[in-house]
Each structure stands twice: as structure tokens, then as C-alpha cells.
Amino acid sequence: MEEFKSTEQIIEDLLLYQLSESDKNQLKGMTEKDLIVLHHNFGQWIRNHYKLWDMNNPYTGLNYEPVIIEGVDCSEKHPDAVSMAVIEGMWKKLQT
């Protein structure tokens, strides 16, 4: 069975093994409101690398119930939301 990672596990993996010191410094230097610019490039890499779209992923795929607000799925388990939570979580850890 494939191992999927929780948001916290993805953050830890990225900070310990995936990101260079330069990448970490760049992320740390951003403002929190500017993190959204990472959604399409880095966020997409996170969604694909950690298989957030996989229907077998218990953190995003299983028991996933859309929360539609004005035509947009705002569920916390939506892969877009999870990847953004990862980016924000890494940013917060780097601020300490």
C-alpha cells in the first residue's frame, strides 16, 4: 500500500529533505499575504509529488465532501487547500 503523508508530514519532509537553504530563505522572506503567488507553481508540485489528487489519499481523497461556496469548493481537504496549508505551515515554521 502506498504511504500518503499528512500536512504536517509533508511540511517536515519539505523542510528537512526537499528544499534547499536558498529556497527556505526565499520562502521565509515572503510576506504571508504574498504566499498565494506560490499556488500555481510550487503548490502544483506539492499536489502532484505528494499525490494529493489520488482518490486513495486519506488526507484528501477518502471521505472528501465538497464544501461549495459561490461555486467554489472550499473544503479543507481539497488538494488546493491542503497544498496552501503546507506552504503556509512551512512559512510559519521558518518565521520562528
PDB file of N, CA and C in Angstrom:
ATOM      1  N   MET A   1       0.823  -1.177   0.000  1.00  0.00           N
ATOM      2  CA  MET A   1       0.000   0.000   0.000  1.00  0.00           C
ATOM      3  C   MET A   1       0.877   1.253   0.000  1.00  0.00           C
ATOM      4  N   GLU A   2       0.472   2.223  -0.784  1.00  0.00           N
ATOM      5  CA  GLU A   2       1.219   3.462  -0.890  1.00  0.00           C
ATOM      6  C   GLU A   2       1.067   4.288   0.380  1.00  0.00           C
ATOM      7  N   GLU A   3       2.166   4.889   0.804  1.00  0.00           N
ATOM      8  CA  GLU A   3       2.129   5.713   2.002  1.00  0.00           C
ATOM      9  C   GLU A   3       1.852   7.163   1.617  1.00  0.00           C
ATOM     10  N   PHE A   4       0.816   7.715   2.191  1.00  0.00           N
ATOM     11  CA  PHE A   4       0.492   9.121   1.989  1.00  0.00           C
ATOM     12  C   PHE A   4       0.895   9.880   3.240  1.00  0.00           C
ATOM     13  N   LYS A   5       1.135  11.169   3.082  1.00  0.00           N
ATOM     14  CA  LYS A   5       1.589  11.979   4.200  1.00  0.00           C
ATOM     15  C   LYS A   5       0.527  13.006   4.594  1.00  0.00           C
ATOM     16  N   SER A   6       0.466  13.282   5.883  1.00  0.00           N
ATOM     17  CA  SER A   6      -0.406  14.332   6.398  1.00  0.00           C
ATOM     18  C   SER A   6       0.233  15.687   6.078  1.00  0.00           C
ATOM     19  N   THR A   7      -0.510  16.739   6.322  1.00  0.00           N
ATOM     20  CA  THR A   7       0.013  18.086   6.099  1.00  0.00           C
ATOM     21  C   THR A   7       1.300  18.299   6.887  1.00  0.00           C
ATOM     22  N   GLU A   8       1.294  17.934   8.152  1.00  0.00           N
ATOM     23  CA  GLU A   8       2.495  18.104   8.990  1.00  0.00           C
ATOM     24  C   GLU A   8       3.668  17.272   8.476  1.00  0.00           C
ATOM     25  N   GLN A   9       3.400  16.062   8.021  1.00  0.00           N
ATOM     26  CA  GLN A   9       4.465  15.210   7.488  1.00  0.00           C
ATOM     27  C   GLN A   9       5.038  15.784   6.186  1.00  0.00           C
ATOM     28  N   ILE A  10       4.182  16.366   5.363  1.00  0.00           N
ATOM     29  CA  ILE A  10       4.657  16.991   4.121  1.00  0.00           C
ATOM     30  C   ILE A  10       5.535  18.191   4.456  1.00  0.00           C
ATOM     31  N   ILE A  11       5.095  19.017   5.398  1.00  0.00           N
ATOM     32  CA  ILE A  11       5.894  20.171   5.815  1.00  0.00           C
ATOM     33  C   ILE A  11       7.268  19.723   6.292  1.00  0.00           C
ATOM     34  N   GLU A  12       7.294  18.715   7.143  1.00  0.00           N
ATOM     35  CA  GLU A  12       8.566  18.203   7.669  1.00  0.00           C
ATOM     36  C   GLU A  12       9.455  17.671   6.546  1.00  0.00           C
ATOM     37  N   ASP A  13       8.866  16.902   5.628  1.00  0.00           N
ATOM     38  CA  ASP A  13       9.630  16.344   4.510  1.00  0.00           C
ATOM     39  C   ASP A  13      10.229  17.454   3.647  1.00  0.00           C
ATOM     40  N   LEU A  14       9.429  18.460   3.352  1.00  0.00           N
ATOM     41  CA  LEU A  14       9.919  19.563   2.520  1.00  0.00           C
ATOM     42  C   LEU A  14      11.035  20.331   3.212  1.00  0.00           C
ATOM     43  N   LEU A  15      10.849  20.658   4.474  1.00  0.00           N
ATOM     44  CA  LEU A  15      11.851  21.447   5.189  1.00  0.00           C
ATOM     45  C   LEU A  15      13.132  20.662   5.456  1.00  0.00           C
ATOM     46  N   LEU A  16      13.009  19.361   5.698  1.00  0.00           N
ATOM     47  CA  LEU A  16      14.201  18.567   6.012  1.00  0.00           C
ATOM     48  C   LEU A  16      14.918  18.023   4.785  1.00  0.00           C
ATOM     49  N   TYR A  17      14.170  17.665   3.736  1.00  0.00           N
ATOM     50  CA  TYR A  17      14.785  16.917   2.635  1.00  0.00           C
ATOM     51  C   TYR A  17      14.630  17.523   1.240  1.00  0.00           C
ATOM     52  N   GLN A  18      13.601  18.290   1.005  1.00  0.00           N
ATOM     53  CA  GLN A  18      13.305  18.704  -0.361  1.00  0.00           C
ATOM     54  C   GLN A  18      13.809  20.106  -0.724  1.00  0.00           C
ATOM     55  N   LEU A  19      13.700  21.042   0.193  1.00  0.00           N
ATOM     56  CA  LEU A  19      14.042  22.431  -0.129  1.00  0.00           C
ATOM     57  C   LEU A  19      15.496  22.754   0.203  1.00  0.00           C
ATOM     58  N   SER A  20      16.112  23.516  -0.688  1.00  0.00           N
ATOM     59  CA  SER A  20      17.473  23.992  -0.442  1.00  0.00           C
ATOM     60  C   SER A  20      17.417  25.136   0.574  1.00  0.00           C
ATOM     61  N   GLU A  21      18.551  25.485   1.132  1.00  0.00           N
ATOM     62  CA  GLU A  21      18.608  26.616   2.068  1.00  0.00           C
ATOM     63  C   GLU A  21      18.178  27.899   1.358  1.00  0.00           C
ATOM     64  N   SER A  22      18.536  28.034   0.103  1.00  0.00           N
ATOM     65  CA  SER A  22      18.136  29.202  -0.685  1.00  0.00           C
ATOM     66  C   SER A  22      16.616  29.274  -0.821  1.00  0.00           C
ATOM     67  N   ASP A  23      15.987  28.120  -1.112  1.00  0.00           N
ATOM     68  CA  ASP A  23      14.520  28.070  -1.218  1.00  0.00           C
ATOM     69  C   ASP A  23      13.871  28.429   0.113  1.00  0.00           C
ATOM     70  N   LYS A  24      14.416  27.908   1.200  1.00  0.00           N
ATOM     71  CA  LYS A  24      13.866  28.203   2.523  1.00  0.00           C
ATOM     72  C   LYS A  24      13.985  29.689   2.849  1.00  0.00           C
ATOM     73  N   ASN A  25      15.132  30.281   2.513  1.00  0.00           N
ATOM     74  CA  ASN A  25      15.333  31.706   2.776  1.00  0.00           C
ATOM     75  C   ASN A  25      14.385  32.563   1.943  1.00  0.00           C
ATOM     76  N   GLN A  26      14.156  32.152   0.695  1.00  0.00           N
ATOM     77  CA  GLN A  26      13.232  32.880  -0.160  1.00  0.00           C
ATOM     78  C   GLN A  26      11.814  32.826   0.412  1.00  0.00           C
ATOM     79  N   LEU A  27      11.390  31.638   0.832  1.00  0.00           N
ATOM     80  CA  LEU A  27      10.063  31.478   1.420  1.00  0.00           C
ATOM     81  C   LEU A  27       9.951  32.288   2.714  1.00  0.00           C
ATOM     82  N   LYS A  28      10.962  32.220   3.546  1.00  0.00           N
ATOM     83  CA  LYS A  28      10.961  32.939   4.817  1.00  0.00           C
ATOM     84  C   LYS A  28      10.854  34.443   4.598  1.00  0.00           C
ATOM     85  N   GLY A  29      11.448  34.948   3.536  1.00  0.00           N
ATOM     86  CA  GLY A  29      11.464  36.374   3.259  1.00  0.00           C
ATOM     87  C   GLY A  29      10.171  36.924   2.674  1.00  0.00           C
ATOM     88  N   MET A  30       9.256  36.047   2.308  1.00  0.00           N
ATOM     89  CA  MET A  30       7.987  36.495   1.744  1.00  0.00           C
ATOM     90  C   MET A  30       7.045  36.959   2.859  1.00  0.00           C
ATOM     91  N   THR A  31       6.098  37.813   2.486  1.00  0.00           N
ATOM     92  CA  THR A  31       5.052  38.157   3.442  1.00  0.00           C
ATOM     93  C   THR A  31       3.982  37.084   3.358  1.00  0.00           C
ATOM     94  N   GLU A  32       3.222  36.926   4.425  1.00  0.00           N
ATOM     95  CA  GLU A  32       2.188  35.887   4.442  1.00  0.00           C
ATOM     96  C   GLU A  32       1.169  36.097   3.324  1.00  0.00           C
ATOM     97  N   LYS A  33       0.799  37.336   3.062  1.00  0.00           N
ATOM     98  CA  LYS A  33      -0.202  37.575   2.018  1.00  0.00           C
ATOM     99  C   LYS A  33       0.344  37.289   0.613  1.00  0.00           C
ATOM    100  N   ASP A  34       1.659  37.314   0.441  1.00  0.00           N
ATOM    101  CA  ASP A  34       2.252  37.042  -0.874  1.00  0.00           C
ATOM    102  C   ASP A  34       2.421  35.548  -1.168  1.00  0.00           C
ATOM    103  N   LEU A  35       2.155  34.682  -0.186  1.00  0.00           N
ATOM    104  CA  LEU A  35       2.331  33.238  -0.391  1.00  0.00           C
ATOM    105  C   LEU A  35       1.435  32.703  -1.497  1.00  0.00           C
ATOM    106  N   ILE A  36       0.324  33.360  -1.774  1.00  0.00           N
ATOM    107  CA  ILE A  36      -0.613  32.892  -2.798  1.00  0.00           C
ATOM    108  C   ILE A  36       0.058  32.793  -4.174  1.00  0.00           C
ATOM    109  N   VAL A  37       1.113  33.570  -4.407  1.00  0.00           N
ATOM    110  CA  VAL A  37       1.782  33.505  -5.718  1.00  0.00           C
ATOM    111  C   VAL A  37       2.437  32.138  -5.939  1.00  0.00           C
ATOM    112  N   LEU A  38       2.608  31.357  -4.882  1.00  0.00           N
ATOM    113  CA  LEU A  38       3.215  30.026  -4.989  1.00  0.00           C
ATOM    114  C   LEU A  38       2.202  28.940  -5.339  1.00  0.00           C
ATOM    115  N   HIS A  39       0.914  29.285  -5.350  1.00  0.00           N
ATOM    116  CA  HIS A  39      -0.152  28.293  -5.551  1.00  0.00           C
ATOM    117  C   HIS A  39      -0.016  27.525  -6.863  1.00  0.00           C
ATOM    118  N   HIS A  40       0.240  28.210  -7.958  1.00  0.00           N
ATOM    119  CA  HIS A  40       0.232  27.533  -9.259  1.00  0.00           C
ATOM    120  C   HIS A  40       1.514  26.774  -9.567  1.00  0.00           C
ATOM    121  N   ASN A  41       2.654  27.233  -9.095  1.00  0.00           N
ATOM    122  CA  ASN A  41       3.898  26.527  -9.426  1.00  0.00           C
ATOM    123  C   ASN A  41       4.313  25.565  -8.315  1.00  0.00           C
ATOM    124  N   PHE A  42       4.713  26.094  -7.179  1.00  0.00           N
ATOM    125  CA  PHE A  42       5.142  25.246  -6.069  1.00  0.00           C
ATOM    126  C   PHE A  42       3.974  24.433  -5.526  1.00  0.00           C
ATOM    127  N   GLY A  43       2.803  25.050  -5.431  1.00  0.00           N
ATOM    128  CA  GLY A  43       1.613  24.340  -4.959  1.00  0.00           C
ATOM    129  C   GLY A  43       1.270  23.158  -5.850  1.00  0.00           C
ATOM    130  N   GLN A  44       1.384  23.351  -7.154  1.00  0.00           N
ATOM    131  CA  GLN A  44       1.107  22.251  -8.085  1.00  0.00           C
ATOM    132  C   GLN A  44       2.121  21.122  -7.881  1.00  0.00           C
ATOM    133  N   TRP A  45       3.369  21.485  -7.685  1.00  0.00           N
ATOM    134  CA  TRP A  45       4.394  20.460  -7.442  1.00  0.00           C
ATOM    135  C   TRP A  45       4.040  19.669  -6.179  1.00  0.00           C
ATOM    136  N   ILE A  46       3.634  20.360  -5.120  1.00  0.00           N
ATOM    137  CA  ILE A  46       3.244  19.685  -3.874  1.00  0.00           C
ATOM    138  C   ILE A  46       2.072  18.747  -4.139  1.00  0.00           C
ATOM    139  N   ARG A  47       1.042  19.233  -4.826  1.00  0.00           N
ATOM    140  CA  ARG A  47      -0.147  18.407  -5.100  1.00  0.00           C
ATOM    141  C   ARG A  47       0.214  17.159  -5.894  1.00  0.00           C
ATOM    142  N   ASN A  48       1.097  17.303  -6.870  1.00  0.00           N
ATOM    143  CA  ASN A  48       1.487  16.153  -7.690  1.00  0.00           C
ATOM    144  C   ASN A  48       2.469  15.233  -6.964  1.00  0.00           C
ATOM    145  N   HIS A  49       3.494  15.800  -6.356  1.00  0.00           N
ATOM    146  CA  HIS A  49       4.532  14.990  -5.703  1.00  0.00           C
ATOM    147  C   HIS A  49       3.970  14.164  -4.543  1.00  0.00           C
ATOM    148  N   TYR A  50       3.067  14.759  -3.773  1.00  0.00           N
ATOM    149  CA  TYR A  50       2.511  14.068  -2.611  1.00  0.00           C
ATOM    150  C   TYR A  50       1.154  13.431  -2.906  1.00  0.00           C
ATOM    151  N   LYS A  51       0.817  13.364  -4.183  1.00  0.00           N
ATOM    152  CA  LYS A  51      -0.386  12.660  -4.669  1.00  0.00           C
ATOM    153  C   LYS A  51      -1.659  13.117  -3.948  1.00  0.00           C
ATOM    154  N   LEU A  52      -1.813  14.435  -3.836  1.00  0.00           N
ATOM    155  CA  LEU A  52      -2.983  14.966  -3.155  1.00  0.00           C
ATOM    156  C   LEU A  52      -4.266  14.770  -3.953  1.00  0.00           C
ATOM    157  N   TRP A  53      -4.156  14.543  -5.264  1.00  0.00           N
ATOM    158  CA  TRP A  53      -5.349  14.294  -6.088  1.00  0.00           C
ATOM    159  C   TRP A  53      -5.725  12.816  -6.113  1.00  0.00           C
ATOM    160  N   ASP A  54      -4.898  11.945  -5.556  1.00  0.00           N
ATOM    161  CA  ASP A  54      -5.156  10.500  -5.577  1.00  0.00           C
ATOM    162  C   ASP A  54      -6.384  10.191  -4.715  1.00  0.00           C
ATOM    163  N   MET A  55      -7.340   9.498  -5.294  1.00  0.00           N
ATOM    164  CA  MET A  55      -8.579   9.179  -4.567  1.00  0.00           C
ATOM    165  C   MET A  55      -8.339   8.257  -3.373  1.00  0.00           C
ATOM    166  N   ASN A  56      -7.185   7.609  -3.322  1.00  0.00           N
ATOM    167  CA  ASN A  56      -6.857   6.741  -2.194  1.00  0.00           C
ATOM    168  C   ASN A  56      -6.137   7.479  -1.069  1.00  0.00           C
ATOM    169  N   ASN A  57      -5.850   8.745  -1.280  1.00  0.00           N
ATOM    170  CA  ASN A  57      -5.159   9.524  -0.257  1.00  0.00           C
ATOM    171  C   ASN A  57      -6.148   9.844   0.871  1.00  0.00           C
ATOM    172  N   PRO A  58      -5.918   9.309   2.059  1.00  0.00           N
ATOM    173  CA  PRO A  58      -6.877   9.513   3.155  1.00  0.00           C
ATOM    174  C   PRO A  58      -6.957  10.963   3.636  1.00  0.00           C
ATOM    175  N   TYR A  59      -5.948  11.780   3.304  1.00  0.00           N
ATOM    176  CA  TYR A  59      -5.942  13.169   3.745  1.00  0.00           C
ATOM    177  C   TYR A  59      -6.698  14.077   2.785  1.00  0.00           C
ATOM    178  N   THR A  60      -6.939  13.599   1.568  1.00  0.00           N
ATOM    179  CA  THR A  60      -7.649  14.420   0.583  1.00  0.00           C
ATOM    180  C   THR A  60      -8.731  13.641  -0.165  1.00  0.00           C
ATOM    181  N   GLY A  61      -8.506  12.382  -0.462  1.00  0.00           N
ATOM    182  CA  GLY A  61      -9.396  11.637  -1.334  1.00  0.00           C
ATOM    183  C   GLY A  61     -10.542  10.914  -0.654  1.00  0.00           C
ATOM    184  N   LEU A  62     -10.251  10.187   0.402  1.00  0.00           N
ATOM    185  CA  LEU A  62     -11.279   9.411   1.071  1.00  0.00           C
ATOM    186  C   LEU A  62     -12.183  10.309   1.909  1.00  0.00           C
ATOM    187  N   ASN A  63     -13.462  10.025   1.870  1.00  0.00           N
ATOM    188  CA  ASN A  63     -14.446  10.770   2.656  1.00  0.00           C
ATOM    189  C   ASN A  63     -14.415  12.270   2.375  1.00  0.00           C
ATOM    190  N   TYR A  64     -13.973  12.621   1.182  1.00  0.00           N
ATOM    191  CA  TYR A  64     -13.888  14.025   0.819  1.00  0.00           C
ATOM    192  C   TYR A  64     -15.265  14.528   0.420  1.00  0.00           C
ATOM    193  N   GLU A  65     -15.764  15.489   1.152  1.00  0.00           N
ATOM    194  CA  GLU A  65     -17.071  16.072   0.871  1.00  0.00           C
ATOM    195  C   GLU A  65     -16.854  17.527   0.466  1.00  0.00           C
ATOM    196  N   PRO A  66     -17.185  17.875  -0.771  1.00  0.00           N
ATOM    197  CA  PRO A  66     -17.009  19.262  -1.201  1.00  0.00           C
ATOM    198  C   PRO A  66     -17.830  20.229  -0.343  1.00  0.00           C
ATOM    199  N   VAL A  67     -17.273  21.397  -0.118  1.00  0.00           N
ATOM    200  CA  VAL A  67     -17.960  22.487   0.554  1.00  0.00           C
ATOM    201  C   VAL A  67     -18.020  23.616  -0.473  1.00  0.00           C
ATOM    202  N   ILE A  68     -19.148  23.712  -1.153  1.00  0.00           N
ATOM    203  CA  ILE A  68     -19.275  24.657  -2.254  1.00  0.00           C
ATOM    204  C   ILE A  68     -19.827  25.990  -1.743  1.00  0.00           C
ATOM    205  N   ILE A  69     -19.053  27.038  -1.971  1.00  0.00           N
ATOM    206  CA  ILE A  69     -19.461  28.394  -1.618  1.00  0.00           C
ATOM    207  C   ILE A  69     -19.299  29.253  -2.864  1.00  0.00           C
ATOM    208  N   GLU A  70     -20.418  29.770  -3.349  1.00  0.00           N
ATOM    209  CA  GLU A  70     -20.430  30.585  -4.564  1.00  0.00           C
ATOM    210  C   GLU A  70     -19.718  29.881  -5.717  1.00  0.00           C
ATOM    211  N   GLY A  71     -19.976  28.589  -5.854  1.00  0.00           N
ATOM    212  CA  GLY A  71     -19.436  27.806  -6.956  1.00  0.00           C
ATOM    213  C   GLY A  71     -18.004  27.334  -6.792  1.00  0.00           C
ATOM    214  N   VAL A  72     -17.407  27.578  -5.642  1.00  0.00           N
ATOM    215  CA  VAL A  72     -16.009  27.200  -5.404  1.00  0.00           C
ATOM    216  C   VAL A  72     -15.965  26.189  -4.261  1.00  0.00           C
ATOM    217  N   ASP A  73     -15.201  25.119  -4.464  1.00  0.00           N
ATOM    218  CA  ASP A  73     -15.029  24.113  -3.422  1.00  0.00           C
ATOM    219  C   ASP A  73     -14.050  24.647  -2.380  1.00  0.00           C
ATOM    220  N   CYS A  74     -14.535  24.914  -1.194  1.00  0.00           N
ATOM    221  CA  CYS A  74     -13.734  25.495  -0.112  1.00  0.00           C
ATOM    222  C   CYS A  74     -13.398  24.486   0.983  1.00  0.00           C
ATOM    223  N   SER A  75     -13.532  23.212   0.702  1.00  0.00           N
ATOM    224  CA  SER A  75     -13.245  22.185   1.698  1.00  0.00           C
ATOM    225  C   SER A  75     -11.772  22.232   2.103  1.00  0.00           C
ATOM    226  N   GLU A  76     -11.514  22.024   3.392  1.00  0.00           N
ATOM    227  CA  GLU A  76     -10.139  21.962   3.893  1.00  0.00           C
ATOM    228  C   GLU A  76      -9.395  20.751   3.352  1.00  0.00           C
ATOM    229  N   LYS A  77     -10.129  19.736   2.863  1.00  0.00           N
ATOM    230  CA  LYS A  77      -9.492  18.532   2.323  1.00  0.00           C
ATOM    231  C   LYS A  77      -9.259  18.621   0.815  1.00  0.00           C
ATOM    232  N   HIS A  78      -9.689  19.720   0.185  1.00  0.00           N
ATOM    233  CA  HIS A  78      -9.448  19.889  -1.242  1.00  0.00           C
ATOM    234  C   HIS A  78      -7.934  19.984  -1.449  1.00  0.00           C
ATOM    235  N   PRO A  79      -7.387  19.310  -2.454  1.00  0.00           N
ATOM    236  CA  PRO A  79      -5.942  19.346  -2.675  1.00  0.00           C
ATOM    237  C   PRO A  79      -5.352  20.755  -2.769  1.00  0.00           C
ATOM    238  N   ASP A  80      -6.078  21.699  -3.363  1.00  0.00           N
ATOM    239  CA  ASP A  80      -5.589  23.077  -3.424  1.00  0.00           C
ATOM    240  C   ASP A  80      -5.456  23.663  -2.019  1.00  0.00           C
ATOM    241  N   ALA A  81      -6.433  23.401  -1.167  1.00  0.00           N
ATOM    242  CA  ALA A  81      -6.393  23.910   0.206  1.00  0.00           C
ATOM    243  C   ALA A  81      -5.280  23.252   1.005  1.00  0.00           C
ATOM    244  N   VAL A  82      -5.082  21.960   0.797  1.00  0.00           N
ATOM    245  CA  VAL A  82      -4.031  21.243   1.523  1.00  0.00           C
ATOM    246  C   VAL A  82      -2.652  21.762   1.116  1.00  0.00           C
ATOM    247  N   SER A  83      -2.431  21.946  -0.190  1.00  0.00           N
ATOM    248  CA  SER A  83      -1.120  22.438  -0.623  1.00  0.00           C
ATOM    249  C   SER A  83      -0.872  23.849  -0.090  1.00  0.00           C
ATOM    250  N   MET A  84      -1.915  24.670  -0.020  1.00  0.00           N
ATOM    251  CA  MET A  84      -1.743  26.017   0.524  1.00  0.00           C
ATOM    252  C   MET A  84      -1.478  25.957   2.018  1.00  0.00           C
ATOM    253  N   ALA A  85      -2.120  25.031   2.723  1.00  0.00           N
ATOM    254  CA  ALA A  85      -1.856  24.854   4.158  1.00  0.00           C
ATOM    255  C   ALA A  85      -0.404  24.425   4.382  1.00  0.00           C
ATOM    256  N   VAL A  86       0.130  23.614   3.481  1.00  0.00           N
ATOM    257  CA  VAL A  86       1.534  23.196   3.561  1.00  0.00           C
ATOM    258  C   VAL A  86       2.447  24.410   3.398  1.00  0.00           C
ATOM    259  N   ILE A  87       2.191  25.209   2.374  1.00  0.00           N
ATOM    260  CA  ILE A  87       3.018  26.396   2.120  1.00  0.00           C
ATOM    261  C   ILE A  87       2.962  27.340   3.319  1.00  0.00           C
ATOM    262  N   GLU A  88       1.760  27.602   3.827  1.00  0.00           N
ATOM    263  CA  GLU A  88       1.608  28.488   4.980  1.00  0.00           C
ATOM    264  C   GLU A  88       2.259  27.895   6.227  1.00  0.00           C
ATOM    265  N   GLY A  89       2.138  26.585   6.402  1.00  0.00           N
ATOM    266  CA  GLY A  89       2.748  25.926   7.553  1.00  0.00           C
ATOM    267  C   GLY A  89       4.265  26.005   7.524  1.00  0.00           C
ATOM    268  N   MET A  90       4.847  25.818   6.338  1.00  0.00           N
ATOM    269  CA  MET A  90       6.300  25.938   6.220  1.00  0.00           C
ATOM    270  C   MET A  90       6.733  27.363   6.520  1.00  0.00           C
ATOM    271  N   TRP A  91       6.008  28.324   5.960  1.00  0.00           N
ATOM    272  CA  TRP A  91       6.335  29.739   6.169  1.00  0.00           C
ATOM    273  C   TRP A  91       6.327  30.052   7.660  1.00  0.00           C
ATOM    274  N   LYS A  92       5.300  29.595   8.375  1.00  0.00           N
ATOM    275  CA  LYS A  92       5.197  29.862   9.807  1.00  0.00           C
ATOM    276  C   LYS A  92       6.358  29.234  10.570  1.00  0.00           C
ATOM    277  N   LYS A  93       6.726  28.005  10.231  1.00  0.00           N
ATOM    278  CA  LYS A  93       7.858  27.352  10.914  1.00  0.00           C
ATOM    279  C   LYS A  93       9.166  28.111  10.669  1.00  0.00           C
ATOM    280  N   LEU A  94       9.308  28.633   9.457  1.00  0.00           N
ATOM    281  CA  LEU A  94      10.538  29.362   9.122  1.00  0.00           C
ATOM    282  C   LEU A  94      10.613  30.734   9.796  1.00  0.00           C
ATOM    283  N   GLN A  95       9.488  31.248  10.258  1.00  0.00           N
ATOM    284  CA  GLN A  95       9.474  32.557  10.921  1.00  0.00           C
ATOM    285  C   GLN A  95       9.960  32.480  12.357  1.00  0.00           C
ATOM    286  N   THR A  96      10.016  31.283  12.922  1.00  0.00           N
ATOM    287  CA  THR A  96      10.417  31.157  14.329  1.00  0.00           C
ATOM    288  C   THR A  96      11.913  31.019  14.474  1.00  0.00           C
TER     289      THR A  96
END
